[in-house]
Amino acid sequence: MREFFVLTHDDRDDLQSVSDYEVDDFDLTVFWSGNSFPSTIPDGVKLFLSEGDKSDYLGNPISWAIVSDRFLAHIVNLAGNALQIFAAPTYDQNTFKPISGYSVVNVTRCLPALAKPLTSVDRIVLNLASIPSNVHLFRVVGHETLLFVSEEFLEELRGEGLQGIAFIKTKCI
């Protein structure tokens, strides 16, 4: 039986994360829905990174998937064309100089894979019959801000030296 995990950020305090941000009048929720975004991230959007070791999956208060180039290579390999990639407008929080090497990933594959409706205290249970066998990264209808990955996705990352990434096992039926 296939297994799936919620992709999340490692809570280590020694890793870089987004400590502050500016969005001007940009609707930061556009990357929460699983819908395609038909433009680019405007110049007025700025993500300020804290000091610390480089994280391959930046923790942030705006629920965006902000990934390093190293992590992005694995995502592209396993997710195919079900995503959009945008240059992340990341800056050093102290010097305000741009920091390169990060992208915002908008996962556009959204599956109706919940096995049962959720209340605020339920654990997520996925219906395996709703997840095609070739799908390794997706969102779930009704909880679009979360990203789910397959065990195959997780296995590809093992031993690659990536940091800042955590996985929460999800129940599947």
C-alpha atoms as a PDB file:
ATOM      1  CA  MET A   1       0.000   0.000   0.000  1.00  0.00           C
ATOM      2  CA  ARG A   2       1.320   3.434  -0.931  1.00  0.00           C
ATOM      3  CA  GLU A   3       2.052   5.912   1.818  1.00  0.00           C
ATOM      4  CA  PHE A   4       1.770   9.691   1.771  1.00  0.00           C
ATOM      5  CA  PHE A   5       3.137  12.484   3.918  1.00  0.00           C
ATOM      6  CA  VAL A   6       2.417  16.152   4.530  1.00  0.00           C
ATOM      7  CA  LEU A   7       5.466  18.116   3.379  1.00  0.00           C
ATOM      8  CA  THR A   8       6.396  20.665   6.025  1.00  0.00           C
ATOM      9  CA  HIS A   9       9.282  22.719   7.367  1.00  0.00           C
ATOM     10  CA  ASP A  10      11.792  21.482   9.903  1.00  0.00           C
ATOM     11  CA  ASP A  11      11.453  23.512  13.098  1.00  0.00           C
ATOM     12  CA  ARG A  12      15.196  23.859  13.711  1.00  0.00           C
ATOM     13  CA  ASP A  13      16.090  27.314  15.018  1.00  0.00           C
ATOM     14  CA  ASP A  14      19.511  27.312  13.342  1.00  0.00           C
ATOM     15  CA  LEU A  15      18.110  27.362   9.787  1.00  0.00           C
ATOM     16  CA  GLN A  16      17.238  30.355   7.648  1.00  0.00           C
ATOM     17  CA  SER A  17      13.564  31.176   7.348  1.00  0.00           C
ATOM     18  CA  VAL A  18      11.423  34.061   6.174  1.00  0.00           C
ATOM     19  CA  SER A  19      11.456  36.437   9.141  1.00  0.00           C
ATOM     20  CA  ASP A  20       9.509  39.274   7.548  1.00  0.00           C
ATOM     21  CA  TYR A  21       7.919  40.166   4.245  1.00  0.00           C
ATOM     22  CA  GLU A  22       6.431  42.968   2.177  1.00  0.00           C
ATOM     23  CA  VAL A  23       3.671  42.280  -0.323  1.00  0.00           C
ATOM     24  CA  ASP A  24       2.554  45.748  -1.419  1.00  0.00           C
ATOM     25  CA  ASP A  25      -0.980  45.163  -2.710  1.00  0.00           C
ATOM     26  CA  PHE A  26      -0.234  41.630  -3.982  1.00  0.00           C
ATOM     27  CA  ASP A  27      -2.689  38.941  -2.844  1.00  0.00           C
ATOM     28  CA  LEU A  28      -0.362  36.429  -1.220  1.00  0.00           C
ATOM     29  CA  THR A  29      -3.151  33.817  -1.139  1.00  0.00           C
ATOM     30  CA  VAL A  30      -2.802  33.167  -4.890  1.00  0.00           C
ATOM     31  CA  PHE A  31      -0.361  30.346  -4.132  1.00  0.00           C
ATOM     32  CA  TRP A  32      -2.726  28.688  -1.641  1.00  0.00           C
ATOM     33  CA  SER A  33      -5.393  27.461  -4.051  1.00  0.00           C
ATOM     34  CA  GLY A  34      -3.676  25.092  -6.437  1.00  0.00           C
ATOM     35  CA  ASN A  35      -4.746  27.297  -9.339  1.00  0.00           C
ATOM     36  CA  SER A  36      -2.342  28.502 -12.005  1.00  0.00           C
ATOM     37  CA  PHE A  37      -1.067  32.024 -11.537  1.00  0.00           C
ATOM     38  CA  PRO A  38      -0.936  33.826 -14.912  1.00  0.00           C
ATOM     39  CA  SER A  39       1.752  36.373 -14.103  1.00  0.00           C
ATOM     40  CA  THR A  40       4.997  36.870 -12.201  1.00  0.00           C
ATOM     41  CA  ILE A  41       5.589  37.829  -8.597  1.00  0.00           C
ATOM     42  CA  PRO A  42       5.583  41.659  -8.565  1.00  0.00           C
ATOM     43  CA  ASP A  43       8.700  43.652  -7.676  1.00  0.00           C
ATOM     44  CA  GLY A  44       6.991  45.004  -4.542  1.00  0.00           C
ATOM     45  CA  VAL A  45       7.004  41.540  -2.953  1.00  0.00           C
ATOM     46  CA  LYS A  46      10.046  40.960  -0.738  1.00  0.00           C
ATOM     47  CA  LEU A  47      10.825  38.011   1.526  1.00  0.00           C
ATOM     48  CA  PHE A  48      13.453  38.755   4.180  1.00  0.00           C
ATOM     49  CA  LEU A  49      15.543  35.810   5.370  1.00  0.00           C
ATOM     50  CA  SER A  50      16.860  35.388   8.885  1.00  0.00           C
ATOM     51  CA  GLU A  51      20.426  34.482   9.676  1.00  0.00           C
ATOM     52  CA  GLY A  52      21.271  30.805   9.893  1.00  0.00           C
ATOM     53  CA  ASP A  53      22.271  27.792   7.878  1.00  0.00           C
ATOM     54  CA  LYS A  54      20.755  27.521   4.419  1.00  0.00           C
ATOM     55  CA  SER A  55      17.444  25.681   4.426  1.00  0.00           C
ATOM     56  CA  ASP A  56      16.243  23.768   1.391  1.00  0.00           C
ATOM     57  CA  TYR A  57      12.611  24.423   2.360  1.00  0.00           C
ATOM     58  CA  LEU A  58      12.177  27.872   3.884  1.00  0.00           C
ATOM     59  CA  GLY A  59       9.835  28.173   6.812  1.00  0.00           C
ATOM     60  CA  ASN A  60       7.632  31.209   6.294  1.00  0.00           C
ATOM     61  CA  PRO A  61       4.522  32.880   7.717  1.00  0.00           C
ATOM     62  CA  ILE A  62       2.722  33.122   4.357  1.00  0.00           C
ATOM     63  CA  SER A  63       2.343  29.399   3.543  1.00  0.00           C
ATOM     64  CA  TRP A  64       4.296  29.471   0.293  1.00  0.00           C
ATOM     65  CA  ALA A  65       6.466  26.578  -0.880  1.00  0.00           C
ATOM     66  CA  ILE A  66       9.856  28.323  -1.062  1.00  0.00           C
ATOM     67  CA  VAL A  67      12.547  25.856  -2.068  1.00  0.00           C
ATOM     68  CA  SER A  68      16.266  25.835  -2.787  1.00  0.00           C
ATOM     69  CA  ASP A  69      17.571  25.047  -6.256  1.00  0.00           C
ATOM     70  CA  ARG A  70      18.718  21.651  -4.921  1.00  0.00           C
ATOM     71  CA  PHE A  71      15.250  20.748  -3.647  1.00  0.00           C
ATOM     72  CA  LEU A  72      13.633  22.158  -6.785  1.00  0.00           C
ATOM     73  CA  ALA A  73      15.544  19.692  -8.980  1.00  0.00           C
ATOM     74  CA  HIS A  74      13.911  16.788  -7.117  1.00  0.00           C
ATOM     75  CA  ILE A  75      10.482  18.406  -7.229  1.00  0.00           C
ATOM     76  CA  VAL A  76      10.655  18.912 -10.995  1.00  0.00           C
ATOM     77  CA  ASN A  77      11.814  15.327 -11.464  1.00  0.00           C
ATOM     78  CA  LEU A  78       8.842  13.906  -9.555  1.00  0.00           C
ATOM     79  CA  ALA A  79       6.056  16.429 -10.136  1.00  0.00           C
ATOM     80  CA  GLY A  80       6.304  16.888 -13.886  1.00  0.00           C
ATOM     81  CA  ASN A  81       4.204  19.683 -15.311  1.00  0.00           C
ATOM     82  CA  ALA A  82       1.792  20.018 -12.366  1.00  0.00           C
ATOM     83  CA  LEU A  83       3.567  23.058 -10.993  1.00  0.00           C
ATOM     84  CA  GLN A  84       4.688  26.581 -11.683  1.00  0.00           C
ATOM     85  CA  ILE A  85       8.078  27.929 -10.689  1.00  0.00           C
ATOM     86  CA  PHE A  86       8.776  31.569  -9.846  1.00  0.00           C
ATOM     87  CA  ALA A  87      12.019  33.236  -8.793  1.00  0.00           C
ATOM     88  CA  ALA A  88      11.687  33.874  -5.064  1.00  0.00           C
ATOM     89  CA  PRO A  89      12.216  37.537  -4.117  1.00  0.00           C
ATOM     90  CA  THR A  90      14.453  36.703  -1.144  1.00  0.00           C
ATOM     91  CA  TYR A  91      16.617  39.271   0.640  1.00  0.00           C
ATOM     92  CA  ASP A  92      18.965  39.319   3.618  1.00  0.00           C
ATOM     93  CA  GLN A  93      17.059  40.803   6.577  1.00  0.00           C
ATOM     94  CA  ASN A  94      20.086  42.832   7.703  1.00  0.00           C
ATOM     95  CA  THR A  95      21.681  44.066   4.479  1.00  0.00           C
ATOM     96  CA  PHE A  96      18.574  43.961   2.251  1.00  0.00           C
ATOM     97  CA  LYS A  97      20.751  42.455  -0.500  1.00  0.00           C
ATOM     98  CA  PRO A  98      19.083  39.864  -2.742  1.00  0.00           C
ATOM     99  CA  ILE A  99      19.698  36.201  -1.941  1.00  0.00           C
ATOM    100  CA  SER A 100      19.599  33.933  -4.970  1.00  0.00           C
ATOM    101  CA  GLY A 101      19.003  30.212  -5.167  1.00  0.00           C
ATOM    102  CA  TYR A 102      15.354  30.029  -4.098  1.00  0.00           C
ATOM    103  CA  SER A 103      12.102  29.544  -5.993  1.00  0.00           C
ATOM    104  CA  VAL A 104       8.436  29.748  -5.114  1.00  0.00           C
ATOM    105  CA  VAL A 105       6.709  26.564  -6.268  1.00  0.00           C
ATOM    106  CA  ASN A 106       2.996  26.653  -7.029  1.00  0.00           C
ATOM    107  CA  VAL A 107       1.736  23.060  -7.072  1.00  0.00           C
ATOM    108  CA  THR A 108      -1.270  23.016  -9.405  1.00  0.00           C
ATOM    109  CA  ARG A 109      -2.325  19.377  -9.040  1.00  0.00           C
ATOM    110  CA  CYS A 110      -5.252  19.374  -6.612  1.00  0.00           C
ATOM    111  CA  LEU A 111      -6.967  16.034  -5.973  1.00  0.00           C
ATOM    112  CA  PRO A 112     -10.301  15.259  -4.284  1.00  0.00           C
ATOM    113  CA  ALA A 113      -8.499  12.708  -2.111  1.00  0.00           C
ATOM    114  CA  LEU A 114      -9.961  13.213   1.365  1.00  0.00           C
ATOM    115  CA  ALA A 115     -11.461   9.947   2.610  1.00  0.00           C
ATOM    116  CA  LYS A 116     -13.911  11.832   4.836  1.00  0.00           C
ATOM    117  CA  PRO A 117     -14.824  15.444   5.570  1.00  0.00           C
ATOM    118  CA  LEU A 118     -12.627  17.057   8.193  1.00  0.00           C
ATOM    119  CA  THR A 119     -13.499  18.809  11.377  1.00  0.00           C
ATOM    120  CA  SER A 120     -10.963  21.017  13.098  1.00  0.00           C
ATOM    121  CA  VAL A 121      -9.709  18.144  15.272  1.00  0.00           C
ATOM    122  CA  ASP A 122      -9.647  15.273  12.770  1.00  0.00           C
ATOM    123  CA  ARG A 123      -6.510  13.796  11.291  1.00  0.00           C
ATOM    124  CA  ILE A 124      -6.353  13.899   7.533  1.00  0.00           C
ATOM    125  CA  VAL A 125      -7.180  10.547   5.957  1.00  0.00           C
ATOM    126  CA  LEU A 126      -6.473  10.116   2.250  1.00  0.00           C
ATOM    127  CA  ASN A 127      -8.401   7.862  -0.110  1.00  0.00           C
ATOM    128  CA  LEU A 128      -5.743   5.973  -2.097  1.00  0.00           C
ATOM    129  CA  ALA A 129      -8.182   5.254  -4.929  1.00  0.00           C
ATOM    130  CA  SER A 130      -8.282   9.011  -5.627  1.00  0.00           C
ATOM    131  CA  ILE A 131      -4.513   9.314  -6.103  1.00  0.00           C
ATOM    132  CA  PRO A 132      -3.104   8.128  -9.454  1.00  0.00           C
ATOM    133  CA  SER A 133      -0.092   5.825  -9.149  1.00  0.00           C
ATOM    134  CA  ASN A 134       2.164   8.248 -11.035  1.00  0.00           C
ATOM    135  CA  VAL A 135       1.390  11.206  -8.732  1.00  0.00           C
ATOM    136  CA  HIS A 136       4.015  12.082  -6.127  1.00  0.00           C
ATOM    137  CA  LEU A 137       3.255  15.725  -5.199  1.00  0.00           C
ATOM    138  CA  PHE A 138      -0.198  17.281  -4.875  1.00  0.00           C
ATOM    139  CA  ARG A 139      -2.661  19.372  -2.918  1.00  0.00           C
ATOM    140  CA  VAL A 140      -5.974  18.100  -1.554  1.00  0.00           C
ATOM    141  CA  VAL A 141      -9.311  19.743  -2.320  1.00  0.00           C
ATOM    142  CA  GLY A 142     -10.496  21.395   0.874  1.00  0.00           C
ATOM    143  CA  HIS A 143      -6.990  21.794   2.323  1.00  0.00           C
ATOM    144  CA  GLU A 144      -5.111  23.424  -0.525  1.00  0.00           C
ATOM    145  CA  THR A 145      -2.441  25.108   1.607  1.00  0.00           C
ATOM    146  CA  LEU A 146      -0.980  21.697   2.486  1.00  0.00           C
ATOM    147  CA  LEU A 147       1.337  19.792   0.155  1.00  0.00           C
ATOM    148  CA  PHE A 148       1.352  16.006   0.101  1.00  0.00           C
ATOM    149  CA  VAL A 149       4.160  13.779  -1.160  1.00  0.00           C
ATOM    150  CA  SER A 150       4.427  10.079  -1.839  1.00  0.00           C
ATOM    151  CA  GLU A 151       6.803   7.701  -0.129  1.00  0.00           C
ATOM    152  CA  GLU A 152       8.657   7.530  -3.467  1.00  0.00           C
ATOM    153  CA  PHE A 153       9.196  11.288  -3.278  1.00  0.00           C
ATOM    154  CA  LEU A 154      10.525  10.993   0.257  1.00  0.00           C
ATOM    155  CA  GLU A 155      12.847   8.113  -0.719  1.00  0.00           C
ATOM    156  CA  GLU A 156      14.363  10.142  -3.559  1.00  0.00           C
ATOM    157  CA  LEU A 157      15.385  12.799  -1.037  1.00  0.00           C
ATOM    158  CA  ARG A 158      17.057  10.404   1.412  1.00  0.00           C
ATOM    159  CA  GLY A 159      20.816  10.783   1.509  1.00  0.00           C
ATOM    160  CA  GLU A 160      20.805  13.955  -0.603  1.00  0.00           C
ATOM    161  CA  GLY A 161      21.927  16.214   2.252  1.00  0.00           C
ATOM    162  CA  LEU A 162      18.845  18.435   2.094  1.00  0.00           C
ATOM    163  CA  GLN A 163      17.889  20.210   5.301  1.00  0.00           C
ATOM    164  CA  GLY A 164      14.899  22.100   6.592  1.00  0.00           C
ATOM    165  CA  ILE A 165      12.384  19.546   5.303  1.00  0.00           C
ATOM    166  CA  ALA A 166      10.090  17.423   7.467  1.00  0.00           C
ATOM    167  CA  PHE A 167       7.346  14.919   6.693  1.00  0.00           C
ATOM    168  CA  ILE A 168       4.240  13.982   8.664  1.00  0.00           C
ATOM    169  CA  LYS A 169       2.829  10.562   7.843  1.00  0.00           C
ATOM    170  CA  THR A 170      -0.778  10.624   6.710  1.00  0.00           C
ATOM    171  CA  LYS A 171      -3.291   7.852   7.236  1.00  0.00           C
ATOM    172  CA  CYS A 172      -4.488   6.272   3.991  1.00  0.00           C
ATOM    173  CA  ILE A 173      -7.394   3.940   3.247  1.00  0.00           C
END
